[in-house]
Amino acid sequence: MYSKLWYLAIFIILFINTNLVTETNGAKKNEFIQRELDIDKSDTPKNILVGSIVGGLSHLNPKLEICKILVDRGYNVTLLAPGNFTAKSILYRSIPQIIIDNYVKEMKNLFFNEYDIKNWANGMRNDYFTLPPPIRSDPMMGRGCHVSMENESFYNRFICAVVQPLRIIWTFKDNLNKINAQRPEVGVSKYHDFRGRTDTLFLLDNFFGFEVPTAWPPLHQEIGPILPDTFPNLSFDLNLFLSTHPRTMYIALGSYIFTTPENYVTILQSALELINQNILDGVIWATVRFNRSELPTTFNLSNGNIIPTSNLINNLHPHIYITKYAPQFAILSHENTKIFLSHGGVGSSHESMYTATPMLVLPIVFDQSGNAERLELT
């Protein structure tokens, strides 16, 4: 008798609770809306801002190639960069540009100040950090760090993969706070995630075989090397010089790279000696940034010949051609360019590998030591 009453009581309780749940869910139905099922927005033009803060045209070329494709597909693309690049360019004139301050003078000071993590932080103001796998590192992380830590001790791996990145993050802290303070002024939310932007698509300008193999997250897509479909051709003078010098060395140390007058003198002296010893018969040097007043008036060769510096600067020497700008890809593509002396920038490395031009690398700053190691491993 009592057991049947218990069964009845349990049934009534369950029945009441079921109705309550049904009514509650029914009341909440009006709180939800149907999402739009059509997520294809490919026919809607988007406004895209492309930024390139550090470096010259070699840093811009991969981005501008992507911009050309986006413009052809109907997107509104604007470039944010120092220097009046697109207006002067034949290939990228259709891309409007907002010109920002040029930090050439400030960057020049960085090259001649004592280099440490604090100076790097103040110069780069980077707001993206990652902690790479222990087998992968970068000389920028500190002394003793290499692009591949495969054969390093556990202690060195720990220093380069954990300690040095944490030091860098701590050093960048003040600059990150300043950037975050400015973000709300332009309608951008503050950002504090030191693991990196885990929900953002990254397109990487890579060259397979150049980078140390590593596992990338799904949103990191390797799309390189990004090279222009068309590129500036050789001028008449350059074409004549290359055609008459079958063993030419091409020198380019970057658009915004500075080094000491002693280094410039050493390079010029070495180039003259190589020509004098018939190892090379021609040298092209582009993007020269030395100050003429800091050079000696003459160069004395090992065989006793004396070369006036003015002859070199004014291209009066028959086997040396100095210019502020040169169509690098066209020079590297020429069969008479036998070797490329470079600072080791990524763009120059990609172009050299693509044209199969051997390289001598003189790394000066930033990622160039790591790139030199990658080229050696490759």
Protein backbone atom coordinates (compact mmCIF):
# COMPACT_ATOMS: atom_id res chain seq x y z
CA MET A 1 0.00 0.00 0.00
CA TYR A 2 2.68 2.49 1.09
CA SER A 3 5.01 1.45 -1.74
CA LYS A 4 2.31 2.28 -4.31
CA LEU A 5 1.85 5.69 -2.72
CA TRP A 6 5.61 6.32 -3.03
CA TYR A 7 5.49 5.39 -6.71
CA LEU A 8 2.59 7.81 -7.21
CA ALA A 9 4.42 10.63 -5.38
CA ILE A 10 7.58 10.14 -7.48
CA PHE A 11 5.49 10.14 -10.69
CA ILE A 12 3.76 13.41 -9.72
CA ILE A 13 7.10 15.09 -8.87
CA LEU A 14 8.63 14.03 -12.20
CA PHE A 15 5.51 15.20 -14.09
CA ILE A 16 5.58 18.63 -12.43
CA ASN A 17 9.34 19.09 -13.05
CA THR A 18 8.93 18.10 -16.70
CA ASN A 19 6.25 20.73 -17.21
CA LEU A 20 8.39 23.35 -15.48
CA VAL A 21 11.35 22.59 -17.74
CA THR A 22 9.13 22.72 -20.82
CA GLU A 23 7.61 26.04 -19.79
CA THR A 24 11.03 27.48 -18.92
CA ASN A 25 12.50 26.47 -22.25
CA GLY A 26 9.45 27.84 -24.01
CA ALA A 27 9.85 31.16 -22.26
CA LYS A 28 13.49 31.36 -23.33
CA LYS A 29 12.80 30.65 -26.97
CA ASN A 30 12.07 34.30 -27.65
CA GLU A 31 15.50 35.27 -26.27
CA PHE A 32 17.32 33.71 -29.24
CA ILE A 33 17.50 34.82 -32.84
CA GLN A 34 18.29 32.89 -35.96
CA ARG A 35 21.80 33.49 -37.25
CA GLU A 36 22.27 34.34 -40.89
CA LEU A 37 23.02 31.09 -42.66
CA ASP A 38 24.50 32.71 -45.75
CA ILE A 39 28.10 33.41 -44.74
CA ASP A 40 29.40 34.00 -48.26
CA LYS A 41 30.37 37.67 -48.38
CA SER A 42 32.74 37.36 -51.33
CA ASP A 43 30.66 39.78 -53.41
CA THR A 44 30.93 42.53 -50.77
CA PRO A 45 34.02 44.76 -51.22
CA LYS A 46 36.01 45.16 -48.02
CA ASN A 47 38.28 47.96 -46.88
CA ILE A 48 41.77 46.61 -46.21
CA LEU A 49 44.59 48.59 -44.60
CA VAL A 50 48.07 47.21 -45.31
CA GLY A 51 50.87 48.42 -43.03
CA SER A 52 54.64 48.29 -43.50
CA ILE A 53 56.46 50.37 -40.91
CA VAL A 54 60.10 49.25 -41.10
CA GLY A 55 62.25 48.82 -44.19
CA GLY A 56 62.19 49.87 -47.81
CA LEU A 57 60.68 48.60 -51.02
CA SER A 58 62.09 45.10 -50.54
CA HIS A 59 59.90 44.77 -47.43
CA LEU A 60 56.89 46.05 -49.36
CA ASN A 61 57.10 43.98 -52.54
CA PRO A 62 55.48 40.78 -51.17
CA LYS A 63 52.64 42.78 -49.57
CA LEU A 64 52.09 44.86 -52.71
CA GLU A 65 51.86 41.73 -54.85
CA ILE A 66 49.02 40.52 -52.62
CA CYS A 67 47.47 44.01 -52.73
CA LYS A 68 47.39 43.89 -56.55
CA ILE A 69 45.38 40.67 -56.44
CA LEU A 70 42.97 42.10 -53.84
CA VAL A 71 42.46 45.28 -55.90
CA ASP A 72 41.75 43.18 -59.00
CA ARG A 73 39.08 41.35 -56.99
CA GLY A 74 37.34 44.61 -56.07
CA TYR A 75 38.65 45.30 -52.57
CA ASN A 76 39.47 48.80 -51.37
CA VAL A 77 43.13 48.54 -50.40
CA THR A 78 45.20 51.33 -48.83
CA LEU A 79 48.89 51.15 -47.99
CA LEU A 80 50.25 52.68 -44.78
CA ALA A 81 54.03 53.13 -45.04
CA PRO A 82 56.85 55.70 -44.95
CA GLY A 83 58.09 57.04 -48.27
CA ASN A 84 56.06 57.77 -51.39
CA PHE A 85 56.24 54.25 -52.80
CA THR A 86 53.13 53.59 -54.86
CA ALA A 87 52.90 56.98 -56.60
CA LYS A 88 56.43 56.52 -57.96
CA SER A 89 55.91 52.87 -58.88
CA ILE A 90 54.75 51.67 -62.28
CA LEU A 91 53.66 48.26 -60.97
CA TYR A 92 51.73 49.44 -57.89
CA ARG A 93 50.46 52.90 -58.83
CA SER A 94 46.82 51.79 -58.50
CA ILE A 95 47.21 51.29 -54.73
CA PRO A 96 46.60 54.49 -52.71
CA GLN A 97 49.04 55.19 -49.88
CA ILE A 98 48.96 57.05 -46.59
CA ILE A 99 52.49 58.32 -45.97
CA ILE A 100 53.74 58.21 -42.39
CA ASP A 101 56.93 59.47 -40.76
CA ASN A 102 60.19 58.01 -41.98
CA TYR A 103 62.44 56.81 -39.17
CA VAL A 104 65.69 56.60 -41.13
CA LYS A 105 67.59 58.90 -38.74
CA GLU A 106 66.32 57.05 -35.67
CA MET A 107 67.18 53.70 -37.24
CA LYS A 108 70.67 54.90 -38.10
CA ASN A 109 71.26 55.66 -34.41
CA LEU A 110 70.25 52.09 -33.54
CA PHE A 111 73.04 50.69 -35.70
CA PHE A 112 75.75 52.60 -33.85
CA ASN A 113 74.44 52.35 -30.28
CA GLU A 114 75.29 49.45 -28.02
CA TYR A 115 72.96 46.67 -29.08
CA ASP A 116 70.94 45.00 -26.36
CA ILE A 117 67.41 43.78 -25.80
CA LYS A 118 66.22 47.15 -24.49
CA ASN A 119 67.42 48.95 -27.62
CA TRP A 120 65.79 46.30 -29.76
CA ALA A 121 62.49 46.76 -27.93
CA ASN A 122 62.59 50.53 -28.29
CA GLY A 123 63.42 50.23 -31.98
CA MET A 124 60.99 47.54 -33.05
CA ARG A 125 57.94 48.16 -30.81
CA ASN A 126 56.65 44.76 -31.76
CA ASP A 127 53.34 43.58 -30.32
CA TYR A 128 53.43 39.96 -31.47
CA PHE A 129 55.28 37.28 -29.57
CA THR A 130 55.48 33.51 -29.78
CA LEU A 131 57.36 30.92 -27.81
CA PRO A 132 58.67 28.55 -30.50
CA PRO A 133 59.33 24.84 -29.97
CA PRO A 134 62.63 24.16 -28.14
CA ILE A 135 64.29 22.91 -31.34
CA ARG A 136 63.73 26.22 -33.11
CA SER A 137 65.18 29.56 -32.06
CA ASP A 138 66.78 32.70 -33.44
CA PRO A 139 70.08 34.51 -32.82
CA MET A 140 68.03 37.63 -32.01
CA MET A 141 66.97 35.85 -28.84
CA GLY A 142 70.47 36.21 -27.44
CA ARG A 143 74.04 34.98 -27.66
CA GLY A 144 74.31 31.23 -28.06
CA CYS A 145 70.87 30.94 -29.70
CA HIS A 146 70.73 29.49 -33.20
CA VAL A 147 68.02 28.90 -35.78
CA SER A 148 68.19 25.18 -35.04
CA MET A 149 68.77 23.96 -31.48
CA GLU A 150 68.60 20.30 -32.48
CA ASN A 151 72.16 19.55 -31.35
CA GLU A 152 72.21 21.92 -28.36
CA SER A 153 72.09 20.93 -24.70
CA PHE A 154 68.90 21.05 -22.65
CA TYR A 155 70.28 24.07 -20.80
CA ASN A 156 70.83 26.05 -24.02
CA ARG A 157 67.42 25.04 -25.34
CA PHE A 158 65.78 26.18 -22.12
CA ILE A 159 67.60 29.54 -22.19
CA CYS A 160 66.71 30.26 -25.83
CA ALA A 161 63.16 28.88 -25.80
CA VAL A 162 61.98 30.13 -22.39
CA VAL A 163 64.31 32.54 -20.58
CA GLN A 164 65.25 34.84 -23.48
CA PRO A 165 61.67 35.22 -24.82
CA LEU A 166 60.44 36.04 -21.31
CA ARG A 167 63.19 38.66 -20.98
CA ILE A 168 62.11 40.18 -24.28
CA ILE A 169 58.45 40.22 -23.25
CA TRP A 170 59.36 41.95 -19.99
CA THR A 171 61.47 44.51 -21.84
CA PHE A 172 58.68 45.21 -24.33
CA LYS A 173 56.14 45.66 -21.54
CA ASP A 174 56.26 49.47 -21.41
CA ASN A 175 55.97 49.84 -25.17
CA LEU A 176 53.04 47.42 -25.25
CA ASN A 177 51.27 49.45 -22.59
CA LYS A 178 51.80 52.62 -24.63
CA ILE A 179 50.39 50.93 -27.73
CA ASN A 180 47.39 49.65 -25.76
CA ALA A 181 46.76 53.15 -24.43
CA GLN A 182 46.52 54.44 -28.00
CA ARG A 183 44.34 51.65 -29.38
CA PRO A 184 40.99 52.86 -27.91
CA GLU A 185 41.58 56.24 -29.60
CA VAL A 186 41.17 54.58 -32.99
CA GLY A 187 38.44 52.15 -31.96
CA VAL A 188 40.66 49.11 -31.41
CA SER A 189 40.36 47.01 -28.27
CA LYS A 190 43.34 46.55 -25.98
CA TYR A 191 45.44 43.45 -26.42
CA HIS A 192 47.41 41.56 -23.78
CA ASP A 193 47.85 37.99 -25.03
CA PHE A 194 51.58 37.26 -25.21
CA ARG A 195 50.89 33.90 -26.85
CA GLY A 196 50.17 35.75 -30.07
CA ARG A 197 46.98 36.38 -31.98
CA THR A 198 45.65 32.85 -31.88
CA ASP A 199 42.46 33.68 -33.82
CA THR A 200 44.11 35.65 -36.65
CA LEU A 201 45.11 34.33 -40.05
CA PHE A 202 48.84 34.77 -40.77
CA LEU A 203 50.17 34.54 -44.33
CA LEU A 204 53.89 33.71 -44.27
CA ASP A 205 56.24 34.70 -47.08
CA ASN A 206 58.42 31.61 -46.88
CA PHE A 207 60.80 29.66 -49.10
CA PHE A 208 60.69 25.89 -48.57
CA GLY A 209 64.12 24.66 -47.57
CA PHE A 210 65.13 28.04 -46.17
CA GLU A 211 63.11 27.93 -42.96
CA VAL A 212 63.85 25.42 -40.20
CA PRO A 213 61.04 22.82 -40.31
CA THR A 214 58.52 23.35 -37.54
CA ALA A 215 54.86 22.67 -36.79
CA TRP A 216 52.66 25.72 -37.45
CA PRO A 217 49.14 26.31 -36.08
CA PRO A 218 46.29 25.90 -38.59
CA LEU A 219 45.92 29.67 -39.07
CA HIS A 220 49.54 30.07 -40.20
CA GLN A 221 49.60 29.57 -43.98
CA GLU A 222 52.87 29.47 -45.93
CA ILE A 223 52.37 31.16 -49.31
CA GLY A 224 55.90 32.13 -50.36
CA PRO A 225 58.08 32.97 -52.01
CA ILE A 226 56.07 36.01 -53.10
CA LEU A 227 57.87 37.48 -56.11
CA PRO A 228 56.55 39.97 -58.68
CA ASP A 229 55.27 38.52 -61.94
CA THR A 230 57.03 41.42 -63.67
CA PHE A 231 60.08 43.30 -62.45
CA PRO A 232 62.15 46.31 -63.60
CA ASN A 233 64.59 45.52 -66.37
CA LEU A 234 68.24 46.49 -66.59
CA SER A 235 69.07 50.02 -67.63
CA PHE A 236 71.25 50.50 -70.70
CA ASP A 237 74.33 51.22 -68.55
CA LEU A 238 73.81 48.22 -66.27
CA ASN A 239 73.13 45.89 -69.17
CA LEU A 240 76.30 47.09 -70.91
CA PHE A 241 78.34 46.66 -67.71
CA LEU A 242 77.09 43.12 -67.08
CA SER A 243 77.50 42.10 -70.71
CA THR A 244 81.16 43.15 -70.66
CA HIS A 245 82.01 41.68 -67.24
CA PRO A 246 81.47 37.89 -67.22
CA ARG A 247 82.47 37.51 -63.54
CA THR A 248 80.51 40.19 -61.70
CA MET A 249 79.85 40.45 -57.98
CA TYR A 250 76.68 42.28 -56.99
CA ILE A 251 76.69 44.07 -53.61
CA ALA A 252 73.54 45.30 -51.84
CA LEU A 253 73.36 45.74 -48.08
CA GLY A 254 69.71 46.75 -47.74
CA SER A 255 67.72 49.94 -48.15
CA TYR A 256 67.84 50.95 -44.48
CA ILE A 257 71.00 49.23 -43.27
CA PHE A 258 73.91 51.25 -41.93
CA THR A 259 77.39 50.11 -41.00
CA THR A 260 80.66 51.75 -40.05
CA PRO A 261 82.92 53.69 -42.45
CA GLU A 262 85.60 51.08 -41.73
CA ASN A 263 83.33 48.36 -43.12
CA TYR A 264 82.63 50.35 -46.28
CA VAL A 265 86.37 50.90 -46.77
CA THR A 266 87.05 47.18 -46.26
CA ILE A 267 84.42 46.21 -48.83
CA LEU A 268 85.74 48.66 -51.43
CA GLN A 269 89.34 47.65 -50.77
CA SER A 270 88.44 43.96 -51.07
CA ALA A 271 86.50 44.52 -54.29
CA LEU A 272 89.47 46.31 -55.85
CA GLU A 273 91.88 43.56 -54.76
CA LEU A 274 89.62 40.83 -56.20
CA ILE A 275 89.53 42.65 -59.53
CA ASN A 276 93.28 43.27 -59.41
CA GLN A 277 93.92 39.55 -58.80
CA ASN A 278 91.60 38.63 -61.70
CA ILE A 279 89.25 36.70 -59.42
CA LEU A 280 86.42 39.06 -60.42
CA ASP A 281 86.26 41.38 -63.39
CA GLY A 282 83.38 43.60 -62.26
CA VAL A 283 81.50 44.82 -59.16
CA ILE A 284 78.06 46.46 -58.97
CA TRP A 285 77.21 48.08 -55.63
CA ALA A 286 73.65 49.29 -55.05
CA THR A 287 71.87 51.16 -52.23
CA VAL A 288 75.13 52.68 -51.02
CA ARG A 289 74.76 54.67 -47.79
CA PHE A 290 78.31 55.68 -47.00
CA ASN A 291 79.32 59.29 -46.46
CA ARG A 292 81.96 60.33 -48.97
CA SER A 293 83.71 62.53 -46.41
CA GLU A 294 84.32 59.45 -44.23
CA LEU A 295 86.23 57.60 -46.95
CA PRO A 296 89.97 57.95 -47.65
CA THR A 297 90.94 60.01 -50.68
CA THR A 298 92.72 57.04 -52.27
CA PHE A 299 92.86 53.24 -52.07
CA ASN A 300 96.32 51.65 -52.12
CA LEU A 301 96.36 48.16 -53.62
CA SER A 302 98.77 45.34 -52.77
CA ASN A 303 100.52 45.66 -56.16
CA GLY A 304 101.27 49.34 -55.54
CA ASN A 305 98.47 50.80 -57.66
CA ILE A 306 96.69 53.83 -56.22
CA ILE A 307 92.98 54.31 -57.01
CA PRO A 308 91.43 57.75 -56.32
CA THR A 309 88.19 57.42 -54.35
CA SER A 310 86.54 60.01 -56.59
CA ASN A 311 86.97 57.63 -59.54
CA LEU A 312 85.00 54.98 -57.67
CA ILE A 313 82.24 57.29 -56.47
CA ASN A 314 81.72 58.89 -59.89
CA ASN A 315 81.85 55.58 -61.80
CA LEU A 316 85.08 56.49 -63.60
CA HIS A 317 86.63 53.13 -62.72
CA PRO A 318 86.06 50.73 -65.65
CA HIS A 319 85.23 47.70 -63.49
CA ILE A 320 83.17 49.14 -60.60
CA TYR A 321 79.63 50.48 -60.93
CA ILE A 322 78.07 52.26 -57.92
CA THR A 323 74.42 53.30 -57.88
CA LYS A 324 71.76 54.31 -55.35
CA TYR A 325 69.19 52.01 -56.92
CA ALA A 326 69.47 48.87 -59.01
CA PRO A 327 66.88 46.39 -60.36
CA GLN A 328 68.08 43.60 -58.10
CA PHE A 329 66.04 40.73 -59.49
CA ALA A 330 67.15 41.53 -63.04
CA ILE A 331 70.79 41.69 -61.95
CA LEU A 332 70.56 38.37 -60.08
CA SER A 333 68.86 36.81 -63.12
CA HIS A 334 71.75 37.79 -65.41
CA GLU A 335 74.11 34.95 -66.28
CA ASN A 336 77.20 37.09 -65.60
CA THR A 337 76.27 37.75 -61.97
CA LYS A 338 78.36 35.09 -60.27
CA ILE A 339 78.03 36.03 -56.58
CA PHE A 340 75.86 38.25 -54.39
CA LEU A 341 77.25 40.02 -51.29
CA SER A 342 74.18 40.75 -49.18
CA HIS A 343 73.15 41.77 -45.67
CA GLY A 344 70.98 38.66 -45.57
CA GLY A 345 67.50 40.16 -45.68
CA VAL A 346 64.63 37.75 -46.31
CA GLY A 347 63.67 39.30 -49.64
CA SER A 348 67.24 39.26 -50.95
CA SER A 349 67.69 35.66 -49.75
CA HIS A 350 64.52 34.55 -51.54
CA GLU A 351 65.53 36.26 -54.79
CA SER A 352 69.02 34.80 -54.63
CA MET A 353 67.72 31.27 -54.07
CA TYR A 354 65.12 31.67 -56.80
CA THR A 355 67.77 32.76 -59.33
CA ALA A 356 70.34 30.25 -58.00
CA THR A 357 72.88 32.99 -57.32
CA PRO A 358 75.51 32.06 -54.68
CA MET A 359 75.60 34.41 -51.70
CA LEU A 360 78.13 35.90 -49.32
CA VAL A 361 76.27 37.23 -46.29
CA LEU A 362 77.38 40.11 -44.09
CA PRO A 363 74.69 40.14 -41.35
CA ILE A 364 74.46 43.47 -39.55
CA VAL A 365 71.31 43.64 -37.43
CA PHE A 366 67.84 42.23 -36.65
CA ASP A 367 67.04 38.87 -38.31
CA GLN A 368 70.07 38.84 -40.60
CA SER A 369 72.28 36.58 -38.45
CA GLY A 370 69.49 34.03 -38.33
CA ASN A 371 68.98 34.27 -42.09
CA ALA A 372 72.72 33.72 -42.63
CA GLU A 373 72.52 30.55 -40.51
CA ARG A 374 69.49 29.36 -42.47
CA LEU A 375 71.29 29.88 -45.77
CA GLU A 376 74.30 27.96 -44.49
CA LEU A 377 72.10 25.07 -43.33
CA THR A 378 70.23 25.11 -46.64
